[in-house]
Amino acid sequence: MENSQSQSKKKRLTQDQVRQLEKCFTVNKKLEPDLKLQLSNQLGLPQRQVAVWFQNKRARSKTQSLEVQHCTLQSKLEAALSDKAKLEHQVQFLQDELKRTRNQLALFTNQDSPVDNSNLGSCDEGHDDQVVVFDELYACFVSNGHGSSSTSWV
């Protein structure tokens, strides 16, 4: 009984054995029978231990690869979420600017009440004269420094 326990104990590999196995692993991820026999003889290890080392090394390599992929995807997700937040902020800024400009247009054209914002995105037919006035007002608005193409997005 004592003999079978001592044979089943796995001996730790020396640094030199690990280096040689690592070197071989970089060239051959799969262990062919001839190579297993050669490494076993060269390192003084049982063939089974060499085979198990290769199997474990492949599993560790796969896990490390998945961790790297996860980190890469996580950073891409964070960048995309940041871009989304910036774009949402820009959209809100532009909607607010459009609302202010339309209200100024309403005041400029001597309308009694501010423009209804429920149809900000629609273009009704029959308002060509208002479009011209709007373009003139906007040009005036921009030339007075209230808006510019160099607006910074905060």
N, C-alpha and C. Protein backbone atom coordinates (compact mmCIF):
# COMPACT_ATOMS: atom_id res chain seq x y z
N MET A 1 0.83 -1.19 0.00
CA MET A 1 0.00 0.00 0.00
C MET A 1 0.87 1.25 0.00
N GLU A 2 1.92 1.24 0.81
CA GLU A 2 2.81 2.40 0.88
C GLU A 2 3.50 2.64 -0.46
N ASN A 3 3.83 1.59 -1.18
CA ASN A 3 4.48 1.69 -2.47
C ASN A 3 3.58 2.37 -3.50
N SER A 4 2.28 2.06 -3.51
CA SER A 4 1.37 2.67 -4.47
C SER A 4 1.15 4.15 -4.16
N GLN A 5 1.21 4.53 -2.88
CA GLN A 5 1.07 5.95 -2.52
C GLN A 5 2.28 6.74 -2.98
N SER A 6 3.45 6.19 -2.84
CA SER A 6 4.65 6.92 -3.24
C SER A 6 4.73 7.03 -4.76
N GLN A 7 4.21 6.05 -5.49
CA GLN A 7 4.24 6.12 -6.94
C GLN A 7 3.20 7.11 -7.46
N SER A 8 2.09 7.29 -6.75
CA SER A 8 1.04 8.19 -7.22
C SER A 8 1.33 9.65 -6.89
N LYS A 9 2.31 9.90 -5.99
CA LYS A 9 2.65 11.28 -5.69
C LYS A 9 3.31 11.90 -6.90
N LYS A 10 2.84 13.07 -7.26
CA LYS A 10 3.38 13.76 -8.43
C LYS A 10 4.59 14.58 -8.00
N LYS A 11 5.67 14.40 -8.71
CA LYS A 11 6.88 15.18 -8.42
C LYS A 11 6.75 16.55 -9.08
N ARG A 12 7.18 17.56 -8.35
CA ARG A 12 7.19 18.91 -8.93
C ARG A 12 8.27 19.00 -9.99
N LEU A 13 7.98 19.76 -11.00
CA LEU A 13 8.95 19.93 -12.09
C LEU A 13 10.01 20.95 -11.68
N THR A 14 11.21 20.73 -12.17
CA THR A 14 12.28 21.71 -11.92
C THR A 14 12.08 22.89 -12.88
N GLN A 15 12.75 23.98 -12.58
CA GLN A 15 12.65 25.16 -13.45
C GLN A 15 13.15 24.84 -14.85
N ASP A 16 14.19 24.03 -14.94
CA ASP A 16 14.73 23.66 -16.25
C ASP A 16 13.73 22.82 -17.04
N GLN A 17 13.06 21.90 -16.36
CA GLN A 17 12.04 21.08 -17.03
C GLN A 17 10.89 21.95 -17.53
N VAL A 18 10.45 22.89 -16.69
CA VAL A 18 9.36 23.79 -17.09
C VAL A 18 9.79 24.63 -18.28
N ARG A 19 11.02 25.16 -18.24
CA ARG A 19 11.52 25.97 -19.37
C ARG A 19 11.51 25.17 -20.67
N GLN A 20 11.97 23.93 -20.60
CA GLN A 20 12.01 23.10 -21.80
C GLN A 20 10.59 22.78 -22.30
N LEU A 21 9.69 22.50 -21.37
CA LEU A 21 8.29 22.23 -21.76
C LEU A 21 7.66 23.48 -22.38
N GLU A 22 7.90 24.64 -21.76
CA GLU A 22 7.36 25.91 -22.30
C GLU A 22 7.90 26.18 -23.70
N LYS A 23 9.21 25.96 -23.87
CA LYS A 23 9.84 26.17 -25.18
C LYS A 23 9.20 25.27 -26.23
N CYS A 24 9.00 24.02 -25.88
CA CYS A 24 8.38 23.06 -26.80
C CYS A 24 6.93 23.45 -27.07
N PHE A 25 6.24 23.96 -26.04
CA PHE A 25 4.83 24.34 -26.18
C PHE A 25 4.66 25.51 -27.15
N THR A 26 5.60 26.44 -27.16
CA THR A 26 5.49 27.58 -28.08
C THR A 26 5.53 27.13 -29.53
N VAL A 27 6.20 26.00 -29.78
CA VAL A 27 6.30 25.47 -31.15
C VAL A 27 5.16 24.51 -31.44
N ASN A 28 4.82 23.66 -30.49
CA ASN A 28 3.81 22.61 -30.69
C ASN A 28 2.76 22.69 -29.58
N LYS A 29 1.59 23.16 -29.91
CA LYS A 29 0.51 23.22 -28.92
C LYS A 29 -0.06 21.85 -28.62
N LYS A 30 -0.06 20.99 -29.62
CA LYS A 30 -0.54 19.61 -29.47
C LYS A 30 0.68 18.68 -29.34
N LEU A 31 0.54 17.71 -28.47
CA LEU A 31 1.65 16.81 -28.19
C LEU A 31 1.50 15.52 -29.00
N GLU A 32 2.36 15.33 -29.97
CA GLU A 32 2.37 14.11 -30.77
C GLU A 32 3.06 13.00 -29.97
N PRO A 33 2.71 11.73 -30.23
CA PRO A 33 3.30 10.61 -29.46
C PRO A 33 4.84 10.57 -29.50
N ASP A 34 5.41 10.84 -30.67
CA ASP A 34 6.88 10.82 -30.78
C ASP A 34 7.51 11.91 -29.91
N LEU A 35 6.91 13.09 -29.95
CA LEU A 35 7.42 14.21 -29.17
C LEU A 35 7.25 13.94 -27.67
N LYS A 36 6.13 13.32 -27.30
CA LYS A 36 5.88 12.98 -25.89
C LYS A 36 6.96 12.02 -25.38
N LEU A 37 7.28 11.02 -26.19
CA LEU A 37 8.32 10.06 -25.81
C LEU A 37 9.68 10.74 -25.71
N GLN A 38 9.98 11.59 -26.68
CA GLN A 38 11.26 12.30 -26.69
C GLN A 38 11.39 13.20 -25.44
N LEU A 39 10.33 13.99 -25.14
CA LEU A 39 10.37 14.87 -23.97
C LEU A 39 10.45 14.07 -22.68
N SER A 40 9.72 12.99 -22.62
CA SER A 40 9.73 12.13 -21.43
C SER A 40 11.14 11.62 -21.15
N ASN A 41 11.80 11.13 -22.17
CA ASN A 41 13.17 10.62 -22.02
C ASN A 41 14.14 11.76 -21.69
N GLN A 42 14.01 12.87 -22.39
CA GLN A 42 14.92 14.00 -22.22
C GLN A 42 14.79 14.61 -20.82
N LEU A 43 13.56 14.69 -20.29
CA LEU A 43 13.34 15.36 -19.01
C LEU A 43 13.30 14.39 -17.83
N GLY A 44 13.28 13.10 -18.12
CA GLY A 44 13.22 12.11 -17.05
C GLY A 44 11.87 12.09 -16.35
N LEU A 45 10.80 12.29 -17.11
CA LEU A 45 9.44 12.32 -16.57
C LEU A 45 8.62 11.21 -17.22
N PRO A 46 7.59 10.74 -16.52
CA PRO A 46 6.68 9.78 -17.17
C PRO A 46 5.94 10.45 -18.34
N GLN A 47 5.64 9.69 -19.36
CA GLN A 47 4.93 10.24 -20.52
C GLN A 47 3.60 10.84 -20.11
N ARG A 48 2.94 10.19 -19.17
CA ARG A 48 1.63 10.69 -18.71
C ARG A 48 1.76 12.10 -18.10
N GLN A 49 2.84 12.33 -17.34
CA GLN A 49 3.03 13.65 -16.72
C GLN A 49 3.28 14.72 -17.80
N VAL A 50 4.02 14.37 -18.82
CA VAL A 50 4.27 15.30 -19.93
C VAL A 50 2.96 15.61 -20.64
N ALA A 51 2.17 14.57 -20.89
CA ALA A 51 0.89 14.76 -21.59
C ALA A 51 -0.05 15.64 -20.75
N VAL A 52 -0.12 15.38 -19.45
CA VAL A 52 -1.00 16.17 -18.58
C VAL A 52 -0.51 17.62 -18.52
N TRP A 53 0.80 17.83 -18.47
CA TRP A 53 1.33 19.20 -18.45
C TRP A 53 0.87 19.96 -19.70
N PHE A 54 0.97 19.33 -20.87
CA PHE A 54 0.54 19.97 -22.12
C PHE A 54 -0.96 20.27 -22.08
N GLN A 55 -1.73 19.31 -21.59
CA GLN A 55 -3.18 19.51 -21.52
C GLN A 55 -3.51 20.69 -20.60
N ASN A 56 -2.88 20.73 -19.45
CA ASN A 56 -3.12 21.84 -18.52
C ASN A 56 -2.66 23.18 -19.10
N LYS A 57 -1.53 23.16 -19.79
CA LYS A 57 -1.00 24.40 -20.38
C LYS A 57 -1.95 24.92 -21.45
N ARG A 58 -2.52 24.04 -22.26
CA ARG A 58 -3.50 24.48 -23.27
C ARG A 58 -4.72 25.10 -22.59
N ALA A 59 -5.17 24.50 -21.52
CA ALA A 59 -6.33 25.04 -20.79
C ALA A 59 -6.01 26.41 -20.20
N ARG A 60 -4.82 26.55 -19.60
CA ARG A 60 -4.43 27.86 -19.04
C ARG A 60 -4.30 28.91 -20.14
N SER A 61 -3.74 28.52 -21.26
CA SER A 61 -3.59 29.46 -22.38
C SER A 61 -4.94 29.93 -22.88
N LYS A 62 -5.88 29.01 -22.97
CA LYS A 62 -7.23 29.37 -23.44
C LYS A 62 -7.88 30.34 -22.45
N THR A 63 -7.74 30.05 -21.16
CA THR A 63 -8.31 30.93 -20.13
C THR A 63 -7.70 32.33 -20.21
N GLN A 64 -6.38 32.41 -20.34
CA GLN A 64 -5.72 33.70 -20.45
C GLN A 64 -6.18 34.45 -21.70
N SER A 65 -6.34 33.72 -22.79
CA SER A 65 -6.80 34.35 -24.03
C SER A 65 -8.21 34.91 -23.85
N LEU A 66 -9.07 34.16 -23.18
CA LEU A 66 -10.44 34.64 -22.94
C LEU A 66 -10.44 35.87 -22.02
N GLU A 67 -9.54 35.90 -21.04
CA GLU A 67 -9.45 37.06 -20.16
C GLU A 67 -9.02 38.30 -20.93
N VAL A 68 -8.06 38.14 -21.82
CA VAL A 68 -7.60 39.26 -22.64
C VAL A 68 -8.73 39.75 -23.54
N GLN A 69 -9.45 38.82 -24.16
CA GLN A 69 -10.58 39.20 -25.01
C GLN A 69 -11.65 39.91 -24.20
N HIS A 70 -11.91 39.43 -23.00
CA HIS A 70 -12.90 40.07 -22.13
C HIS A 70 -12.50 41.51 -21.81
N CYS A 71 -11.24 41.70 -21.44
CA CYS A 71 -10.76 43.06 -21.13
C CYS A 71 -10.87 43.98 -22.34
N THR A 72 -10.54 43.46 -23.50
CA THR A 72 -10.63 44.25 -24.74
C THR A 72 -12.07 44.64 -25.01
N LEU A 73 -12.98 43.68 -24.92
CA LEU A 73 -14.40 43.97 -25.16
C LEU A 73 -14.95 44.92 -24.10
N GLN A 74 -14.51 44.77 -22.85
CA GLN A 74 -14.97 45.65 -21.78
C GLN A 74 -14.55 47.09 -22.05
N SER A 75 -13.31 47.29 -22.49
CA SER A 75 -12.85 48.66 -22.76
C SER A 75 -13.57 49.24 -23.98
N LYS A 76 -13.86 48.41 -24.98
CA LYS A 76 -14.62 48.89 -26.13
C LYS A 76 -16.04 49.27 -25.73
N LEU A 77 -16.64 48.49 -24.85
CA LEU A 77 -17.98 48.80 -24.36
C LEU A 77 -17.98 50.12 -23.60
N GLU A 78 -17.00 50.31 -22.73
CA GLU A 78 -16.92 51.56 -21.96
C GLU A 78 -16.74 52.76 -22.89
N ALA A 79 -15.92 52.61 -23.93
CA ALA A 79 -15.73 53.69 -24.89
C ALA A 79 -17.02 53.99 -25.64
N ALA A 80 -17.74 52.94 -26.04
CA ALA A 80 -19.00 53.13 -26.76
C ALA A 80 -20.04 53.81 -25.87
N LEU A 81 -20.10 53.42 -24.61
CA LEU A 81 -21.05 54.06 -23.69
C LEU A 81 -20.69 55.52 -23.45
N SER A 82 -19.41 55.81 -23.39
CA SER A 82 -18.97 57.19 -23.24
C SER A 82 -19.35 58.02 -24.47
N ASP A 83 -19.12 57.46 -25.66
CA ASP A 83 -19.50 58.14 -26.90
C ASP A 83 -21.01 58.37 -26.95
N LYS A 84 -21.77 57.37 -26.52
CA LYS A 84 -23.23 57.50 -26.52
C LYS A 84 -23.67 58.64 -25.61
N ALA A 85 -23.06 58.73 -24.43
CA ALA A 85 -23.42 59.80 -23.50
C ALA A 85 -23.07 61.18 -24.09
N LYS A 86 -21.93 61.27 -24.75
CA LYS A 86 -21.53 62.54 -25.38
C LYS A 86 -22.52 62.92 -26.49
N LEU A 87 -22.91 61.92 -27.30
CA LEU A 87 -23.85 62.19 -28.38
C LEU A 87 -25.22 62.59 -27.84
N GLU A 88 -25.65 61.95 -26.78
CA GLU A 88 -26.93 62.34 -26.16
C GLU A 88 -26.87 63.77 -25.66
N HIS A 89 -25.73 64.15 -25.09
CA HIS A 89 -25.55 65.52 -24.61
C HIS A 89 -25.59 66.50 -25.79
N GLN A 90 -24.94 66.14 -26.88
CA GLN A 90 -24.94 67.00 -28.07
C GLN A 90 -26.35 67.14 -28.63
N VAL A 91 -27.10 66.06 -28.67
CA VAL A 91 -28.48 66.10 -29.18
C VAL A 91 -29.31 67.04 -28.31
N GLN A 92 -29.16 66.91 -26.99
CA GLN A 92 -29.92 67.78 -26.09
C GLN A 92 -29.53 69.24 -26.29
N PHE A 93 -28.25 69.51 -26.45
CA PHE A 93 -27.77 70.87 -26.68
C PHE A 93 -28.38 71.44 -27.97
N LEU A 94 -28.35 70.63 -29.03
CA LEU A 94 -28.90 71.09 -30.31
C LEU A 94 -30.41 71.29 -30.25
N GLN A 95 -31.11 70.42 -29.52
CA GLN A 95 -32.56 70.59 -29.36
C GLN A 95 -32.86 71.88 -28.59
N ASP A 96 -32.09 72.14 -27.56
CA ASP A 96 -32.28 73.38 -26.81
C ASP A 96 -31.98 74.61 -27.67
N GLU A 97 -30.92 74.53 -28.47
CA GLU A 97 -30.57 75.64 -29.35
C GLU A 97 -31.67 75.87 -30.39
N LEU A 98 -32.20 74.79 -30.94
CA LEU A 98 -33.28 74.90 -31.90
C LEU A 98 -34.52 75.52 -31.26
N LYS A 99 -34.82 75.13 -30.06
CA LYS A 99 -35.97 75.69 -29.34
C LYS A 99 -35.78 77.20 -29.11
N ARG A 100 -34.58 77.59 -28.66
CA ARG A 100 -34.30 79.02 -28.44
C ARG A 100 -34.41 79.80 -29.75
N THR A 101 -33.86 79.24 -30.80
CA THR A 101 -33.88 79.93 -32.09
C THR A 101 -35.30 80.07 -32.62
N ARG A 102 -36.10 79.04 -32.47
CA ARG A 102 -37.49 79.12 -32.94
C ARG A 102 -38.28 80.13 -32.10
N ASN A 103 -38.02 80.18 -30.82
CA ASN A 103 -38.69 81.18 -29.99
C ASN A 103 -38.27 82.59 -30.38
N GLN A 104 -36.99 82.77 -30.69
CA GLN A 104 -36.53 84.08 -31.16
C GLN A 104 -37.16 84.42 -32.51
N LEU A 105 -37.31 83.41 -33.35
CA LEU A 105 -37.97 83.63 -34.63
C LEU A 105 -39.41 84.08 -34.41
N ALA A 106 -40.08 83.46 -33.46
CA ALA A 106 -41.47 83.84 -33.16
C ALA A 106 -41.52 85.30 -32.70
N LEU A 107 -40.58 85.70 -31.87
CA LEU A 107 -40.54 87.09 -31.42
C LEU A 107 -40.19 88.03 -32.57
N PHE A 108 -39.28 87.59 -33.42
CA PHE A 108 -38.83 88.41 -34.54
C PHE A 108 -39.96 88.63 -35.56
N THR A 109 -40.80 87.63 -35.74
CA THR A 109 -41.90 87.75 -36.71
C THR A 109 -43.16 88.31 -36.06
N ASN A 110 -43.00 88.85 -34.82
CA ASN A 110 -44.08 89.50 -34.09
C ASN A 110 -45.25 88.56 -33.80
N GLN A 111 -44.95 87.32 -33.53
CA GLN A 111 -46.00 86.41 -33.11
C GLN A 111 -46.22 86.62 -31.62
N ASP A 112 -47.46 86.42 -31.17
CA ASP A 112 -47.78 86.69 -29.78
C ASP A 112 -47.26 85.62 -28.83
N SER A 113 -47.17 84.37 -29.27
CA SER A 113 -46.74 83.31 -28.36
C SER A 113 -45.53 82.59 -28.93
N PRO A 114 -44.74 81.98 -28.05
CA PRO A 114 -43.59 81.21 -28.54
C PRO A 114 -44.04 80.05 -29.43
N VAL A 115 -43.11 79.57 -30.23
CA VAL A 115 -43.38 78.48 -31.16
C VAL A 115 -43.70 77.21 -30.38
N ASP A 116 -44.71 76.47 -30.83
CA ASP A 116 -45.04 75.18 -30.22
C ASP A 116 -43.93 74.19 -30.57
N ASN A 117 -43.33 73.60 -29.57
CA ASN A 117 -42.20 72.70 -29.79
C ASN A 117 -42.62 71.27 -30.11
N SER A 118 -43.88 70.99 -30.17
CA SER A 118 -44.32 69.62 -30.42
C SER A 118 -44.00 69.16 -31.82
N ASN A 119 -43.81 70.09 -32.75
CA ASN A 119 -43.49 69.69 -34.12
C ASN A 119 -42.17 70.28 -34.58
N LEU A 120 -41.18 70.26 -33.70
CA LEU A 120 -39.88 70.84 -34.04
C LEU A 120 -39.25 70.16 -35.26
N GLY A 121 -39.50 68.90 -35.43
CA GLY A 121 -38.84 68.19 -36.51
C GLY A 121 -39.63 68.19 -37.80
N SER A 122 -40.82 68.76 -37.83
CA SER A 122 -41.63 68.69 -39.04
C SER A 122 -41.43 69.92 -39.91
N CYS A 123 -41.65 69.74 -41.18
CA CYS A 123 -41.57 70.84 -42.14
C CYS A 123 -42.92 70.90 -42.84
N ASP A 124 -43.74 71.86 -42.46
CA ASP A 124 -45.05 72.01 -43.10
C ASP A 124 -44.89 72.77 -44.40
N GLU A 125 -45.70 72.38 -45.40
CA GLU A 125 -45.67 73.08 -46.68
C GLU A 125 -46.42 74.40 -46.54
N GLY A 126 -46.10 75.35 -47.38
CA GLY A 126 -46.80 76.62 -47.40
C GLY A 126 -46.18 77.67 -46.49
N HIS A 127 -45.00 77.42 -45.96
CA HIS A 127 -44.35 78.39 -45.08
C HIS A 127 -43.02 78.83 -45.66
N ASP A 128 -42.93 78.96 -46.97
CA ASP A 128 -41.68 79.32 -47.62
C ASP A 128 -41.18 80.68 -47.15
N ASP A 129 -42.11 81.64 -46.94
CA ASP A 129 -41.69 82.97 -46.50
C ASP A 129 -41.10 82.91 -45.09
N GLN A 130 -41.63 82.02 -44.23
CA GLN A 130 -41.09 81.89 -42.88
C GLN A 130 -39.70 81.25 -42.91
N VAL A 131 -39.48 80.34 -43.87
CA VAL A 131 -38.17 79.70 -43.98
C VAL A 131 -37.12 80.74 -44.34
N VAL A 132 -37.45 81.63 -45.26
CA VAL A 132 -36.53 82.69 -45.64
C VAL A 132 -36.24 83.58 -44.44
N VAL A 133 -37.30 83.96 -43.72
CA VAL A 133 -37.13 84.81 -42.54
C VAL A 133 -36.27 84.07 -41.51
N PHE A 134 -36.52 82.79 -41.34
CA PHE A 134 -35.75 82.00 -40.39
C PHE A 134 -34.28 81.99 -40.78
N ASP A 135 -34.00 81.78 -42.09
CA ASP A 135 -32.61 81.77 -42.55
C ASP A 135 -31.94 83.11 -42.28
N GLU A 136 -32.67 84.21 -42.53
CA GLU A 136 -32.11 85.54 -42.26
C GLU A 136 -31.88 85.74 -40.77
N LEU A 137 -32.84 85.32 -39.97
CA LEU A 137 -32.72 85.46 -38.52
C LEU A 137 -31.55 84.63 -38.02
N TYR A 138 -31.43 83.42 -38.51
CA TYR A 138 -30.34 82.56 -38.06
C TYR A 138 -28.99 83.16 -38.45
N ALA A 139 -28.88 83.69 -39.67
CA ALA A 139 -27.64 84.33 -40.09
C ALA A 139 -27.31 85.51 -39.18
N CYS A 140 -28.33 86.28 -38.82
CA CYS A 140 -28.14 87.40 -37.91
C CYS A 140 -27.73 86.89 -36.54
N PHE A 141 -28.38 85.85 -36.09
CA PHE A 141 -28.11 85.25 -34.79
C PHE A 141 -26.66 84.77 -34.72
N VAL A 142 -26.20 84.10 -35.76
CA VAL A 142 -24.84 83.58 -35.79
C VAL A 142 -23.84 84.71 -35.89
N SER A 143 -24.12 85.74 -36.68
CA SER A 143 -23.16 86.82 -36.86
C SER A 143 -23.03 87.69 -35.61
N ASN A 144 -24.03 87.65 -34.72
CA ASN A 144 -23.96 88.41 -33.48
C ASN A 144 -23.26 87.63 -32.37
N GLY A 145 -22.73 86.48 -32.68
CA GLY A 145 -21.95 85.73 -31.70
C GLY A 145 -22.77 84.84 -30.80
N HIS A 146 -24.07 84.66 -31.08
CA HIS A 146 -24.87 83.80 -30.23
C HIS A 146 -24.72 82.33 -30.58
N GLY A 147 -24.17 82.05 -31.68
CA GLY A 147 -23.97 80.67 -32.11
C GLY A 147 -22.88 80.66 -33.15
N SER A 148 -22.18 79.58 -33.25
CA SER A 148 -21.14 79.50 -34.27
C SER A 148 -20.82 78.06 -34.56
N SER A 149 -20.12 77.88 -35.65
CA SER A 149 -19.76 76.52 -36.01
C SER A 149 -18.68 75.98 -35.10
N SER A 150 -18.04 76.85 -34.33
CA SER A 150 -16.99 76.40 -33.43
C SER A 150 -17.52 76.20 -32.01
N THR A 151 -18.84 75.96 -31.90
CA THR A 151 -19.43 75.74 -30.59
C THR A 151 -18.79 74.53 -29.94
N SER A 152 -18.35 74.69 -28.71
CA SER A 152 -17.75 73.54 -28.03
C SER A 152 -18.84 72.77 -27.33
N TRP A 153 -18.71 71.47 -27.37
CA TRP A 153 -19.68 70.59 -26.72
C TRP A 153 -19.23 70.35 -25.31
N VAL A 154 -20.03 70.74 -24.38
CA VAL A 154 -19.66 70.61 -22.97
C VAL A 154 -20.17 69.31 -22.43
